[in-house]
Amino acid sequence: LAREEAAKRVCARCPVMLECREHALLQPEPYGVWGGMTAAERRVVLARRRRREVELQRPAAGIAVAG
């Protein structure tokens, strides 16, 4: 935990933190702190993104879909 917090402090000063984070999410990088996020934190973000994509693909309730 102390190592992760130290790594996050380094990330907080990094000018490419957001790009690094997105890279780690797209790969996905299974270990370490990337873009200020641990592997577990990235898994949560990826799960939320997947859920959101599924929800966006479903037709809204009560609206007829033309077909």
PDB file of N, CA and C in Angstrom:
ATOM      1  N   LEU A   1       0.831  -1.201   0.000  1.00  0.00           N
ATOM      2  CA  LEU A   1       0.000   0.000   0.000  1.00  0.00           C
ATOM      3  C   LEU A   1       0.872   1.260   0.000  1.00  0.00           C
ATOM      4  N   ALA A   2       1.942   1.260   0.776  1.00  0.00           N
ATOM      5  CA  ALA A   2       2.832   2.419   0.814  1.00  0.00           C
ATOM      6  C   ALA A   2       3.492   2.644  -0.543  1.00  0.00           C
ATOM      7  N   ARG A   3       3.857   1.553  -1.222  1.00  0.00           N
ATOM      8  CA  ARG A   3       4.472   1.687  -2.549  1.00  0.00           C
ATOM      9  C   ARG A   3       3.474   2.254  -3.552  1.00  0.00           C
ATOM     10  N   GLU A   4       2.224   1.802  -3.475  1.00  0.00           N
ATOM     11  CA  GLU A   4       1.211   2.330  -4.386  1.00  0.00           C
ATOM     12  C   GLU A   4       0.982   3.815  -4.145  1.00  0.00           C
ATOM     13  N   GLU A   5       0.914   4.215  -2.881  1.00  0.00           N
ATOM     14  CA  GLU A   5       0.711   5.625  -2.564  1.00  0.00           C
ATOM     15  C   GLU A   5       1.893   6.463  -3.039  1.00  0.00           C
ATOM     16  N   ALA A   6       3.105   5.950  -2.892  1.00  0.00           N
ATOM     17  CA  ALA A   6       4.291   6.662  -3.376  1.00  0.00           C
ATOM     18  C   ALA A   6       4.242   6.802  -4.894  1.00  0.00           C
ATOM     19  N   ALA A   7       3.851   5.746  -5.586  1.00  0.00           N
ATOM     20  CA  ALA A   7       3.745   5.791  -7.043  1.00  0.00           C
ATOM     21  C   ALA A   7       2.683   6.792  -7.479  1.00  0.00           C
ATOM     22  N   LYS A   8       1.565   6.834  -6.765  1.00  0.00           N
ATOM     23  CA  LYS A   8       0.509   7.788  -7.095  1.00  0.00           C
ATOM     24  C   LYS A   8       0.977   9.226  -6.917  1.00  0.00           C
ATOM     25  N   ARG A   9       1.835   9.472  -5.942  1.00  0.00           N
ATOM     26  CA  ARG A   9       2.380  10.816  -5.750  1.00  0.00           C
ATOM     27  C   ARG A   9       3.264  11.210  -6.936  1.00  0.00           C
ATOM     28  N   VAL A  10       4.012  10.258  -7.465  1.00  0.00           N
ATOM     29  CA  VAL A  10       4.822  10.522  -8.659  1.00  0.00           C
ATOM     30  C   VAL A  10       3.894  10.835  -9.831  1.00  0.00           C
ATOM     31  N   CYS A  11       2.862  10.036  -9.977  1.00  0.00           N
ATOM     32  CA  CYS A  11       1.904  10.248 -11.077  1.00  0.00           C
ATOM     33  C   CYS A  11       1.249  11.626 -10.993  1.00  0.00           C
ATOM     34  N   ALA A  12       0.949  12.068  -9.802  1.00  0.00           N
ATOM     35  CA  ALA A  12       0.259  13.350  -9.625  1.00  0.00           C
ATOM     36  C   ALA A  12       1.064  14.513 -10.189  1.00  0.00           C
ATOM     37  N   ARG A  13       2.381  14.366 -10.269  1.00  0.00           N
ATOM     38  CA  ARG A  13       3.244  15.424 -10.808  1.00  0.00           C
ATOM     39  C   ARG A  13       3.535  15.249 -12.300  1.00  0.00           C
ATOM     40  N   CYS A  14       3.079  14.179 -12.870  1.00  0.00           N
ATOM     41  CA  CYS A  14       3.437  13.831 -14.246  1.00  0.00           C
ATOM     42  C   CYS A  14       2.567  14.592 -15.256  1.00  0.00           C
ATOM     43  N   PRO A  15       3.182  15.209 -16.263  1.00  0.00           N
ATOM     44  CA  PRO A  15       2.404  15.972 -17.248  1.00  0.00           C
ATOM     45  C   PRO A  15       1.590  15.102 -18.212  1.00  0.00           C
ATOM     46  N   VAL A  16       1.864  13.804 -18.274  1.00  0.00           N
ATOM     47  CA  VAL A  16       1.120  12.925 -19.181  1.00  0.00           C
ATOM     48  C   VAL A  16       0.302  11.886 -18.417  1.00  0.00           C
ATOM     49  N   MET A  17      -0.092  12.217 -17.193  1.00  0.00           N
ATOM     50  CA  MET A  17      -0.816  11.264 -16.359  1.00  0.00           C
ATOM     51  C   MET A  17      -2.088  10.752 -17.030  1.00  0.00           C
ATOM     52  N   LEU A  18      -2.886  11.635 -17.602  1.00  0.00           N
ATOM     53  CA  LEU A  18      -4.148  11.188 -18.199  1.00  0.00           C
ATOM     54  C   LEU A  18      -3.920  10.292 -19.412  1.00  0.00           C
ATOM     55  N   GLU A  19      -2.928  10.628 -20.224  1.00  0.00           N
ATOM     56  CA  GLU A  19      -2.612   9.788 -21.385  1.00  0.00           C
ATOM     57  C   GLU A  19      -2.120   8.412 -20.932  1.00  0.00           C
ATOM     58  N   CYS A  20      -1.316   8.404 -19.882  1.00  0.00           N
ATOM     59  CA  CYS A  20      -0.804   7.158 -19.314  1.00  0.00           C
ATOM     60  C   CYS A  20      -1.950   6.298 -18.799  1.00  0.00           C
ATOM     61  N   ARG A  21      -2.876   6.930 -18.097  1.00  0.00           N
ATOM     62  CA  ARG A  21      -4.041   6.214 -17.554  1.00  0.00           C
ATOM     63  C   ARG A  21      -4.858   5.588 -18.676  1.00  0.00           C
ATOM     64  N   GLU A  22      -5.109   6.368 -19.719  1.00  0.00           N
ATOM     65  CA  GLU A  22      -5.918   5.842 -20.827  1.00  0.00           C
ATOM     66  C   GLU A  22      -5.199   4.686 -21.516  1.00  0.00           C
ATOM     67  N   HIS A  23      -3.888   4.792 -21.663  1.00  0.00           N
ATOM     68  CA  HIS A  23      -3.105   3.686 -22.236  1.00  0.00           C
ATOM     69  C   HIS A  23      -3.303   2.422 -21.391  1.00  0.00           C
ATOM     70  N   ALA A  24      -3.187   2.581 -20.083  1.00  0.00           N
ATOM     71  CA  ALA A  24      -3.309   1.428 -19.186  1.00  0.00           C
ATOM     72  C   ALA A  24      -4.708   0.836 -19.233  1.00  0.00           C
ATOM     73  N   LEU A  25      -5.715   1.656 -19.471  1.00  0.00           N
ATOM     74  CA  LEU A  25      -7.082   1.153 -19.581  1.00  0.00           C
ATOM     75  C   LEU A  25      -7.306   0.461 -20.921  1.00  0.00           C
ATOM     76  N   LEU A  26      -6.697   0.949 -21.971  1.00  0.00           N
ATOM     77  CA  LEU A  26      -6.901   0.367 -23.298  1.00  0.00           C
ATOM     78  C   LEU A  26      -6.117  -0.929 -23.501  1.00  0.00           C
ATOM     79  N   GLN A  27      -4.986  -1.108 -22.826  1.00  0.00           N
ATOM     80  CA  GLN A  27      -4.135  -2.278 -23.047  1.00  0.00           C
ATOM     81  C   GLN A  27      -4.774  -3.596 -22.620  1.00  0.00           C
ATOM     82  N   PRO A  28      -5.315  -3.856 -21.526  1.00  0.00           N
ATOM     83  CA  PRO A  28      -5.188  -3.216 -20.221  1.00  0.00           C
ATOM     84  C   PRO A  28      -3.936  -3.706 -19.497  1.00  0.00           C
ATOM     85  N   GLU A  29      -3.303  -2.811 -18.786  1.00  0.00           N
ATOM     86  CA  GLU A  29      -2.104  -3.142 -18.009  1.00  0.00           C
ATOM     87  C   GLU A  29      -2.546  -3.846 -16.721  1.00  0.00           C
ATOM     88  N   PRO A  30      -2.088  -5.073 -16.479  1.00  0.00           N
ATOM     89  CA  PRO A  30      -2.585  -5.845 -15.329  1.00  0.00           C
ATOM     90  C   PRO A  30      -1.902  -5.538 -14.000  1.00  0.00           C
ATOM     91  N   TYR A  31      -0.757  -4.865 -14.015  1.00  0.00           N
ATOM     92  CA  TYR A  31       0.000  -4.664 -12.778  1.00  0.00           C
ATOM     93  C   TYR A  31       0.444  -3.217 -12.648  1.00  0.00           C
ATOM     94  N   GLY A  32       0.688  -2.804 -11.426  1.00  0.00           N
ATOM     95  CA  GLY A  32       1.316  -1.526 -11.153  1.00  0.00           C
ATOM     96  C   GLY A  32       0.380  -0.341 -11.183  1.00  0.00           C
ATOM     97  N   VAL A  33       0.962   0.807 -10.884  1.00  0.00           N
ATOM     98  CA  VAL A  33       0.231   2.069 -10.915  1.00  0.00           C
ATOM     99  C   VAL A  33       0.537   2.739 -12.250  1.00  0.00           C
ATOM    100  N   TRP A  34      -0.499   3.025 -12.973  1.00  0.00           N
ATOM    101  CA  TRP A  34      -0.397   3.711 -14.262  1.00  0.00           C
ATOM    102  C   TRP A  34      -1.379   4.866 -14.226  1.00  0.00           C
ATOM    103  N   GLY A  35      -0.941   6.033 -14.580  1.00  0.00           N
ATOM    104  CA  GLY A  35      -1.845   7.172 -14.625  1.00  0.00           C
ATOM    105  C   GLY A  35      -2.505   7.466 -13.289  1.00  0.00           C
ATOM    106  N   GLY A  36      -1.825   7.136 -12.217  1.00  0.00           N
ATOM    107  CA  GLY A  36      -2.352   7.416 -10.890  1.00  0.00           C
ATOM    108  C   GLY A  36      -3.381   6.425 -10.387  1.00  0.00           C
ATOM    109  N   MET A  37      -3.528   5.301 -11.081  1.00  0.00           N
ATOM    110  CA  MET A  37      -4.512   4.296 -10.672  1.00  0.00           C
ATOM    111  C   MET A  37      -3.857   2.931 -10.517  1.00  0.00           C
ATOM    112  N   THR A  38      -4.292   2.201  -9.501  1.00  0.00           N
ATOM    113  CA  THR A  38      -3.823   0.835  -9.318  1.00  0.00           C
ATOM    114  C   THR A  38      -4.553  -0.083 -10.292  1.00  0.00           C
ATOM    115  N   ALA A  39      -4.076  -1.311 -10.401  1.00  0.00           N
ATOM    116  CA  ALA A  39      -4.728  -2.287 -11.275  1.00  0.00           C
ATOM    117  C   ALA A  39      -6.178  -2.515 -10.840  1.00  0.00           C
ATOM    118  N   ALA A  40      -6.426  -2.577  -9.545  1.00  0.00           N
ATOM    119  CA  ALA A  40      -7.795  -2.786  -9.043  1.00  0.00           C
ATOM    120  C   ALA A  40      -8.688  -1.601  -9.399  1.00  0.00           C
ATOM    121  N   GLU A  41      -8.167  -0.399  -9.275  1.00  0.00           N
ATOM    122  CA  GLU A  41      -8.950   0.791  -9.627  1.00  0.00           C
ATOM    123  C   GLU A  41      -9.263   0.812 -11.122  1.00  0.00           C
ATOM    124  N   ARG A  42      -8.301   0.388 -11.924  1.00  0.00           N
ATOM    125  CA  ARG A  42      -8.542   0.343 -13.372  1.00  0.00           C
ATOM    126  C   ARG A  42      -9.588  -0.698 -13.718  1.00  0.00           C
ATOM    127  N   ARG A  43      -9.589  -1.828 -13.023  1.00  0.00           N
ATOM    128  CA  ARG A  43     -10.617  -2.854 -13.276  1.00  0.00           C
ATOM    129  C   ARG A  43     -12.012  -2.302 -13.002  1.00  0.00           C
ATOM    130  N   VAL A  44     -12.157  -1.515 -11.954  1.00  0.00           N
ATOM    131  CA  VAL A  44     -13.454  -0.905 -11.639  1.00  0.00           C
ATOM    132  C   VAL A  44     -13.884   0.035 -12.761  1.00  0.00           C
ATOM    133  N   VAL A  45     -12.970   0.870 -13.228  1.00  0.00           N
ATOM    134  CA  VAL A  45     -13.283   1.804 -14.309  1.00  0.00           C
ATOM    135  C   VAL A  45     -13.685   1.043 -15.563  1.00  0.00           C
ATOM    136  N   LEU A  46     -12.948  -0.007 -15.903  1.00  0.00           N
ATOM    137  CA  LEU A  46     -13.272  -0.790 -17.096  1.00  0.00           C
ATOM    138  C   LEU A  46     -14.628  -1.463 -16.976  1.00  0.00           C
ATOM    139  N   ALA A  47     -14.952  -1.980 -15.810  1.00  0.00           N
ATOM    140  CA  ALA A  47     -16.260  -2.611 -15.595  1.00  0.00           C
ATOM    141  C   ALA A  47     -17.378  -1.589 -15.768  1.00  0.00           C
ATOM    142  N   ARG A  48     -17.183  -0.396 -15.247  1.00  0.00           N
ATOM    143  CA  ARG A  48     -18.193   0.661 -15.400  1.00  0.00           C
ATOM    144  C   ARG A  48     -18.356   1.050 -16.860  1.00  0.00           C
ATOM    145  N   ARG A  49     -17.244   1.155 -17.574  1.00  0.00           N
ATOM    146  CA  ARG A  49     -17.321   1.488 -19.002  1.00  0.00           C
ATOM    147  C   ARG A  49     -18.088   0.421 -19.768  1.00  0.00           C
ATOM    148  N   ARG A  50     -17.798  -0.851 -19.467  1.00  0.00           N
ATOM    149  CA  ARG A  50     -18.500  -1.946 -20.155  1.00  0.00           C
ATOM    150  C   ARG A  50     -19.994  -1.900 -19.872  1.00  0.00           C
ATOM    151  N   ARG A  51     -20.354  -1.674 -18.593  1.00  0.00           N
ATOM    152  CA  ARG A  51     -21.772  -1.597 -18.227  1.00  0.00           C
ATOM    153  C   ARG A  51     -22.458  -0.453 -18.965  1.00  0.00           C
ATOM    154  N   ARG A  52     -21.803   0.698 -19.022  1.00  0.00           N
ATOM    155  CA  ARG A  52     -22.367   1.858 -19.704  1.00  0.00           C
ATOM    156  C   ARG A  52     -22.565   1.569 -21.188  1.00  0.00           C
ATOM    157  N   GLU A  53     -21.601   0.897 -21.819  1.00  0.00           N
ATOM    158  CA  GLU A  53     -21.722   0.560 -23.246  1.00  0.00           C
ATOM    159  C   GLU A  53     -22.902  -0.358 -23.487  1.00  0.00           C
ATOM    160  N   VAL A  54     -23.092  -1.342 -22.613  1.00  0.00           N
ATOM    161  CA  VAL A  54     -24.219  -2.267 -22.747  1.00  0.00           C
ATOM    162  C   VAL A  54     -25.534  -1.511 -22.603  1.00  0.00           C
ATOM    163  N   GLU A  55     -25.598  -0.626 -21.618  1.00  0.00           N
ATOM    164  CA  GLU A  55     -26.816   0.150 -21.394  1.00  0.00           C
ATOM    165  C   GLU A  55     -27.139   1.045 -22.587  1.00  0.00           C
ATOM    166  N   LEU A  56     -26.129   1.606 -23.203  1.00  0.00           N
ATOM    167  CA  LEU A  56     -26.352   2.476 -24.357  1.00  0.00           C
ATOM    168  C   LEU A  56     -26.818   1.698 -25.579  1.00  0.00           C
ATOM    169  N   GLN A  57     -26.483   0.426 -25.648  1.00  0.00           N
ATOM    170  CA  GLN A  57     -26.870  -0.395 -26.793  1.00  0.00           C
ATOM    171  C   GLN A  57     -28.294  -0.908 -26.688  1.00  0.00           C
ATOM    172  N   ARG A  58     -28.844  -0.944 -25.459  1.00  0.00           N
ATOM    173  CA  ARG A  58     -30.210  -1.409 -25.263  1.00  0.00           C
ATOM    174  C   ARG A  58     -31.193  -0.312 -25.638  1.00  0.00           C
ATOM    175  N   PRO A  59     -32.311  -0.694 -26.256  1.00  0.00           N
ATOM    176  CA  PRO A  59     -33.348   0.311 -26.520  1.00  0.00           C
ATOM    177  C   PRO A  59     -33.963   0.787 -25.201  1.00  0.00           C
ATOM    178  N   ALA A  60     -34.331   2.036 -25.153  1.00  0.00           N
ATOM    179  CA  ALA A  60     -34.940   2.591 -23.948  1.00  0.00           C
ATOM    180  C   ALA A  60     -36.299   1.926 -23.701  1.00  0.00           C
ATOM    181  N   ALA A  61     -36.643   1.719 -22.448  1.00  0.00           N
ATOM    182  CA  ALA A  61     -37.910   1.088 -22.082  1.00  0.00           C
ATOM    183  C   ALA A  61     -39.075   1.949 -22.557  1.00  0.00           C
ATOM    184  N   GLY A  62     -40.073   1.296 -23.137  1.00  0.00           N
ATOM    185  CA  GLY A  62     -41.278   2.010 -23.557  1.00  0.00           C
ATOM    186  C   GLY A  62     -41.165   2.668 -24.909  1.00  0.00           C
ATOM    187  N   ILE A  63     -40.027   2.561 -25.569  1.00  0.00           N
ATOM    188  CA  ILE A  63     -39.876   3.167 -26.899  1.00  0.00           C
ATOM    189  C   ILE A  63     -39.789   2.041 -27.911  1.00  0.00           C
ATOM    190  N   ALA A  64     -40.685   2.110 -28.897  1.00  0.00           N
ATOM    191  CA  ALA A  64     -40.713   1.093 -29.947  1.00  0.00           C
ATOM    192  C   ALA A  64     -39.494   1.257 -30.843  1.00  0.00           C
ATOM    193  N   VAL A  65     -38.922   0.123 -31.233  1.00  0.00           N
ATOM    194  CA  VAL A  65     -37.762   0.134 -32.115  1.00  0.00           C
ATOM    195  C   VAL A  65     -38.233  -0.222 -33.508  1.00  0.00           C
ATOM    196  N   ALA A  66     -37.959   0.637 -34.474  1.00  0.00           N
ATOM    197  CA  ALA A  66     -38.348   0.375 -35.859  1.00  0.00           C
ATOM    198  C   ALA A  66     -37.518  -0.758 -36.416  1.00  0.00           C
ATOM    199  N   GLY A  67     -38.122  -1.588 -37.158  1.00  0.00           N
ATOM    200  CA  GLY A  67     -37.347  -2.696 -37.670  1.00  0.00           C
ATOM    201  C   GLY A  67     -37.831  -3.204 -38.893  1.00  0.00           C
TER     202      GLY A  67
END
